[in-house]
Amino acid sequence: MLDNPLPEITLKGKPRRPDFLLTKEIRRYYNLPKIQVRRIVDYFLCVLGMVMIVEGLPYFAAPSKIKAWVQKLVELPDSSLRLIGFLLMSVGLGLVYLGRS
């Protein structure tokens, strides 16, 4: 975690918190070289694109089966959905940890 949150900056008179598109402000705040910030943004966009590919694949490959699966999913109780979501997040976090170590 970061000790200090990113500072508010002013764009056209409106205060706004910087996001990943405001690379100059992030680079200036963290004193990072320009190429490193660009690599971080490129990496983030690459990962986001891969997630979208994986998420869209079942809808493209078998839309009728997805519809049937969603109907079954609606019938599950909320506690089961929460458990499934928690397990998926835990596995995802574990994979990210293994991939980054």
N, C-alpha and C. Protein backbone atom coordinates (compact mmCIF):
# COMPACT_ATOMS: atom_id res chain seq x y z
N MET A 1 0.83 -1.18 0.00
CA MET A 1 0.00 0.00 0.00
C MET A 1 0.88 1.24 0.00
N LEU A 2 0.34 2.29 -0.54
CA LEU A 2 1.07 3.55 -0.60
C LEU A 2 0.87 4.32 0.70
N ASP A 3 1.93 4.99 1.15
CA ASP A 3 1.81 5.80 2.35
C ASP A 3 0.97 7.04 2.10
N ASN A 4 1.18 7.68 0.97
CA ASN A 4 0.45 8.89 0.64
C ASN A 4 -0.38 8.65 -0.61
N PRO A 5 -1.65 9.03 -0.60
CA PRO A 5 -2.43 8.90 -1.82
C PRO A 5 -1.95 9.93 -2.84
N LEU A 6 -2.30 9.69 -4.09
CA LEU A 6 -1.93 10.65 -5.12
C LEU A 6 -2.59 12.00 -4.84
N PRO A 7 -1.88 13.09 -5.09
CA PRO A 7 -2.45 14.40 -4.80
C PRO A 7 -3.52 14.77 -5.81
N GLU A 8 -4.41 15.65 -5.41
CA GLU A 8 -5.39 16.16 -6.35
C GLU A 8 -4.69 17.13 -7.29
N ILE A 9 -5.09 17.13 -8.54
CA ILE A 9 -4.53 18.07 -9.49
C ILE A 9 -5.68 18.84 -10.11
N THR A 10 -5.39 19.96 -10.73
CA THR A 10 -6.43 20.78 -11.32
C THR A 10 -6.32 20.72 -12.83
N LEU A 11 -7.41 20.37 -13.49
CA LEU A 11 -7.49 20.36 -14.93
C LEU A 11 -8.62 21.27 -15.35
N LYS A 12 -8.28 22.33 -16.05
CA LYS A 12 -9.28 23.29 -16.54
C LYS A 12 -10.17 23.79 -15.40
N GLY A 13 -9.55 24.08 -14.27
CA GLY A 13 -10.28 24.66 -13.15
C GLY A 13 -11.03 23.67 -12.28
N LYS A 14 -11.08 22.38 -12.66
CA LYS A 14 -11.80 21.38 -11.88
C LYS A 14 -10.80 20.46 -11.18
N PRO A 15 -10.86 20.34 -9.85
CA PRO A 15 -9.95 19.41 -9.18
C PRO A 15 -10.30 17.97 -9.56
N ARG A 16 -9.28 17.18 -9.80
CA ARG A 16 -9.50 15.81 -10.24
C ARG A 16 -8.34 14.94 -9.78
N ARG A 17 -8.63 13.71 -9.38
CA ARG A 17 -7.57 12.79 -8.98
C ARG A 17 -6.97 12.18 -10.23
N PRO A 18 -5.66 12.03 -10.28
CA PRO A 18 -5.04 11.47 -11.49
C PRO A 18 -5.39 10.01 -11.68
N ASP A 19 -5.52 9.60 -12.93
CA ASP A 19 -5.74 8.20 -13.23
C ASP A 19 -4.61 7.72 -14.13
N PHE A 20 -4.71 6.51 -14.67
CA PHE A 20 -3.59 5.95 -15.41
C PHE A 20 -3.32 6.70 -16.71
N LEU A 21 -4.24 7.51 -17.18
CA LEU A 21 -4.00 8.27 -18.40
C LEU A 21 -3.17 9.53 -18.14
N LEU A 22 -3.10 10.00 -16.90
CA LEU A 22 -2.36 11.21 -16.57
C LEU A 22 -0.93 10.85 -16.18
N THR A 23 -0.19 10.33 -17.13
CA THR A 23 1.12 9.78 -16.83
C THR A 23 2.12 10.84 -16.38
N LYS A 24 2.01 12.08 -16.88
CA LYS A 24 2.97 13.12 -16.47
C LYS A 24 2.90 13.39 -14.98
N GLU A 25 1.68 13.51 -14.45
CA GLU A 25 1.51 13.80 -13.04
C GLU A 25 1.98 12.64 -12.17
N ILE A 26 1.68 11.42 -12.60
CA ILE A 26 2.12 10.25 -11.85
C ILE A 26 3.64 10.17 -11.85
N ARG A 27 4.23 10.40 -13.02
CA ARG A 27 5.70 10.34 -13.14
C ARG A 27 6.34 11.41 -12.26
N ARG A 28 5.77 12.61 -12.29
CA ARG A 28 6.33 13.70 -11.49
C ARG A 28 6.18 13.41 -10.00
N TYR A 29 5.04 12.87 -9.59
CA TYR A 29 4.78 12.62 -8.17
C TYR A 29 5.70 11.52 -7.63
N TYR A 30 5.85 10.44 -8.38
CA TYR A 30 6.67 9.32 -7.92
C TYR A 30 8.11 9.41 -8.40
N ASN A 31 8.46 10.42 -9.17
CA ASN A 31 9.80 10.63 -9.68
C ASN A 31 10.27 9.43 -10.50
N LEU A 32 9.39 8.97 -11.41
CA LEU A 32 9.70 7.83 -12.26
C LEU A 32 10.14 8.31 -13.64
N PRO A 33 11.02 7.56 -14.30
CA PRO A 33 11.35 7.92 -15.68
C PRO A 33 10.15 7.69 -16.59
N LYS A 34 10.08 8.45 -17.67
CA LYS A 34 8.93 8.41 -18.57
C LYS A 34 8.71 7.01 -19.15
N ILE A 35 9.78 6.33 -19.51
CA ILE A 35 9.65 5.00 -20.11
C ILE A 35 9.05 4.00 -19.14
N GLN A 36 9.35 4.12 -17.84
CA GLN A 36 8.81 3.18 -16.86
C GLN A 36 7.30 3.36 -16.72
N VAL A 37 6.83 4.60 -16.69
CA VAL A 37 5.38 4.85 -16.60
C VAL A 37 4.69 4.32 -17.84
N ARG A 38 5.30 4.50 -19.00
CA ARG A 38 4.72 4.02 -20.24
C ARG A 38 4.61 2.49 -20.23
N ARG A 39 5.62 1.81 -19.68
CA ARG A 39 5.58 0.35 -19.60
C ARG A 39 4.47 -0.11 -18.66
N ILE A 40 4.28 0.61 -17.56
CA ILE A 40 3.22 0.26 -16.62
C ILE A 40 1.86 0.37 -17.28
N VAL A 41 1.65 1.46 -18.00
CA VAL A 41 0.36 1.68 -18.68
C VAL A 41 0.17 0.63 -19.77
N ASP A 42 1.21 0.34 -20.54
CA ASP A 42 1.11 -0.69 -21.58
C ASP A 42 0.80 -2.06 -20.99
N TYR A 43 1.45 -2.38 -19.88
CA TYR A 43 1.22 -3.67 -19.21
C TYR A 43 -0.23 -3.76 -18.72
N PHE A 44 -0.72 -2.68 -18.11
CA PHE A 44 -2.10 -2.66 -17.61
C PHE A 44 -3.09 -2.85 -18.75
N LEU A 45 -2.88 -2.15 -19.86
CA LEU A 45 -3.79 -2.27 -20.99
C LEU A 45 -3.72 -3.67 -21.61
N CYS A 46 -2.54 -4.27 -21.63
CA CYS A 46 -2.39 -5.63 -22.15
C CYS A 46 -3.14 -6.63 -21.27
N VAL A 47 -3.01 -6.50 -19.97
CA VAL A 47 -3.71 -7.41 -19.05
C VAL A 47 -5.22 -7.21 -19.17
N LEU A 48 -5.66 -5.97 -19.26
CA LEU A 48 -7.09 -5.69 -19.41
C LEU A 48 -7.62 -6.31 -20.71
N GLY A 49 -6.86 -6.21 -21.78
CA GLY A 49 -7.26 -6.82 -23.04
C GLY A 49 -7.35 -8.33 -22.95
N MET A 50 -6.39 -8.95 -22.28
CA MET A 50 -6.43 -10.41 -22.13
C MET A 50 -7.63 -10.85 -21.31
N VAL A 51 -7.96 -10.10 -20.26
CA VAL A 51 -9.14 -10.42 -19.45
C VAL A 51 -10.40 -10.34 -20.31
N MET A 52 -10.49 -9.31 -21.15
CA MET A 52 -11.67 -9.17 -22.00
C MET A 52 -11.77 -10.32 -23.01
N ILE A 53 -10.63 -10.78 -23.53
CA ILE A 53 -10.65 -11.92 -24.45
C ILE A 53 -11.16 -13.16 -23.74
N VAL A 54 -10.64 -13.44 -22.57
CA VAL A 54 -11.05 -14.63 -21.82
C VAL A 54 -12.52 -14.54 -21.42
N GLU A 55 -12.96 -13.35 -21.01
CA GLU A 55 -14.35 -13.17 -20.61
C GLU A 55 -15.31 -13.30 -21.79
N GLY A 56 -14.90 -12.86 -22.96
CA GLY A 56 -15.79 -12.88 -24.13
C GLY A 56 -15.82 -14.20 -24.86
N LEU A 57 -14.84 -15.05 -24.63
CA LEU A 57 -14.74 -16.32 -25.35
C LEU A 57 -15.97 -17.21 -25.20
N PRO A 58 -16.49 -17.45 -23.99
CA PRO A 58 -17.68 -18.32 -23.88
C PRO A 58 -18.90 -17.75 -24.60
N TYR A 59 -19.07 -16.44 -24.57
CA TYR A 59 -20.22 -15.83 -25.24
C TYR A 59 -20.13 -16.00 -26.75
N PHE A 60 -18.92 -15.97 -27.27
CA PHE A 60 -18.72 -16.16 -28.70
C PHE A 60 -18.85 -17.63 -29.10
N ALA A 61 -18.28 -18.52 -28.29
CA ALA A 61 -18.23 -19.93 -28.65
C ALA A 61 -19.56 -20.66 -28.46
N ALA A 62 -20.28 -20.36 -27.39
CA ALA A 62 -21.51 -21.11 -27.09
C ALA A 62 -22.54 -20.20 -26.43
N PRO A 63 -23.15 -19.28 -27.18
CA PRO A 63 -24.10 -18.36 -26.57
C PRO A 63 -25.34 -19.04 -25.99
N SER A 64 -25.82 -20.12 -26.61
CA SER A 64 -27.03 -20.79 -26.09
C SER A 64 -26.73 -21.47 -24.75
N LYS A 65 -25.55 -22.06 -24.62
CA LYS A 65 -25.20 -22.70 -23.35
C LYS A 65 -24.99 -21.66 -22.25
N ILE A 66 -24.49 -20.50 -22.61
CA ILE A 66 -24.31 -19.42 -21.62
C ILE A 66 -25.67 -18.97 -21.10
N LYS A 67 -26.66 -18.86 -22.00
CA LYS A 67 -28.01 -18.47 -21.57
C LYS A 67 -28.58 -19.48 -20.58
N ALA A 68 -28.42 -20.75 -20.87
CA ALA A 68 -28.92 -21.80 -19.97
C ALA A 68 -28.17 -21.75 -18.64
N TRP A 69 -26.86 -21.52 -18.69
CA TRP A 69 -26.06 -21.46 -17.46
C TRP A 69 -26.47 -20.27 -16.60
N VAL A 70 -26.76 -19.13 -17.23
CA VAL A 70 -27.18 -17.95 -16.47
C VAL A 70 -28.53 -18.19 -15.81
N GLN A 71 -29.43 -18.91 -16.47
CA GLN A 71 -30.72 -19.22 -15.85
C GLN A 71 -30.52 -20.09 -14.61
N LYS A 72 -29.58 -21.04 -14.65
CA LYS A 72 -29.28 -21.85 -13.47
C LYS A 72 -28.62 -21.00 -12.39
N LEU A 73 -27.80 -20.05 -12.81
CA LEU A 73 -27.09 -19.18 -11.88
C LEU A 73 -28.06 -18.31 -11.08
N VAL A 74 -29.14 -17.89 -11.71
CA VAL A 74 -30.13 -17.05 -11.04
C VAL A 74 -30.80 -17.81 -9.90
N GLU A 75 -30.92 -19.11 -10.03
CA GLU A 75 -31.59 -19.92 -9.02
C GLU A 75 -30.72 -20.20 -7.80
N LEU A 76 -29.41 -19.99 -7.89
CA LEU A 76 -28.52 -20.23 -6.75
C LEU A 76 -28.76 -19.20 -5.65
N PRO A 77 -28.63 -19.59 -4.40
CA PRO A 77 -28.77 -18.62 -3.31
C PRO A 77 -27.57 -17.67 -3.28
N ASP A 78 -27.78 -16.48 -2.70
CA ASP A 78 -26.74 -15.46 -2.64
C ASP A 78 -25.49 -15.94 -1.91
N SER A 79 -25.67 -16.75 -0.87
CA SER A 79 -24.50 -17.23 -0.11
C SER A 79 -23.60 -18.10 -0.99
N SER A 80 -24.18 -18.90 -1.86
CA SER A 80 -23.38 -19.74 -2.76
C SER A 80 -22.63 -18.88 -3.77
N LEU A 81 -23.29 -17.87 -4.29
CA LEU A 81 -22.63 -16.96 -5.24
C LEU A 81 -21.48 -16.22 -4.58
N ARG A 82 -21.69 -15.79 -3.34
CA ARG A 82 -20.62 -15.10 -2.62
C ARG A 82 -19.42 -16.03 -2.40
N LEU A 83 -19.70 -17.27 -2.04
CA LEU A 83 -18.63 -18.25 -1.83
C LEU A 83 -17.86 -18.50 -3.13
N ILE A 84 -18.58 -18.67 -4.21
CA ILE A 84 -17.93 -18.88 -5.51
C ILE A 84 -17.08 -17.66 -5.87
N GLY A 85 -17.62 -16.47 -5.68
CA GLY A 85 -16.88 -15.24 -5.97
C GLY A 85 -15.63 -15.11 -5.12
N PHE A 86 -15.75 -15.44 -3.84
CA PHE A 86 -14.60 -15.36 -2.94
C PHE A 86 -13.52 -16.35 -3.35
N LEU A 87 -13.93 -17.57 -3.69
CA LEU A 87 -12.96 -18.58 -4.11
C LEU A 87 -12.25 -18.17 -5.40
N LEU A 88 -13.00 -17.64 -6.35
CA LEU A 88 -12.39 -17.18 -7.60
C LEU A 88 -11.41 -16.04 -7.36
N MET A 89 -11.78 -15.09 -6.50
CA MET A 89 -10.86 -13.99 -6.18
C MET A 89 -9.61 -14.51 -5.49
N SER A 90 -9.77 -15.48 -4.60
CA SER A 90 -8.61 -16.04 -3.89
C SER A 90 -7.67 -16.76 -4.85
N VAL A 91 -8.24 -17.55 -5.75
CA VAL A 91 -7.41 -18.25 -6.73
C VAL A 91 -6.71 -17.23 -7.64
N GLY A 92 -7.43 -16.21 -8.07
CA GLY A 92 -6.84 -15.17 -8.90
C GLY A 92 -5.71 -14.45 -8.21
N LEU A 93 -5.91 -14.13 -6.92
CA LEU A 93 -4.86 -13.46 -6.16
C LEU A 93 -3.64 -14.36 -6.02
N GLY A 94 -3.88 -15.66 -5.79
CA GLY A 94 -2.77 -16.61 -5.70
C GLY A 94 -1.99 -16.70 -7.02
N LEU A 95 -2.71 -16.72 -8.14
CA LEU A 95 -2.04 -16.76 -9.42
C LEU A 95 -1.23 -15.50 -9.69
N VAL A 96 -1.78 -14.35 -9.33
CA VAL A 96 -1.03 -13.10 -9.49
C VAL A 96 0.22 -13.12 -8.62
N TYR A 97 0.09 -13.62 -7.41
CA TYR A 97 1.25 -13.69 -6.50
C TYR A 97 2.33 -14.61 -7.08
N LEU A 98 1.91 -15.77 -7.58
CA LEU A 98 2.88 -16.70 -8.16
C LEU A 98 3.52 -16.13 -9.42
N GLY A 99 2.72 -15.43 -10.21
CA GLY A 99 3.25 -14.85 -11.45
C GLY A 99 4.20 -13.69 -11.21
N ARG A 100 4.01 -12.97 -10.11
CA ARG A 100 4.85 -11.82 -9.83
C ARG A 100 6.07 -12.16 -8.99
N SER A 101 6.12 -13.37 -8.40
CA SER A 101 7.26 -13.71 -7.55
C SER A 101 8.33 -14.45 -8.32
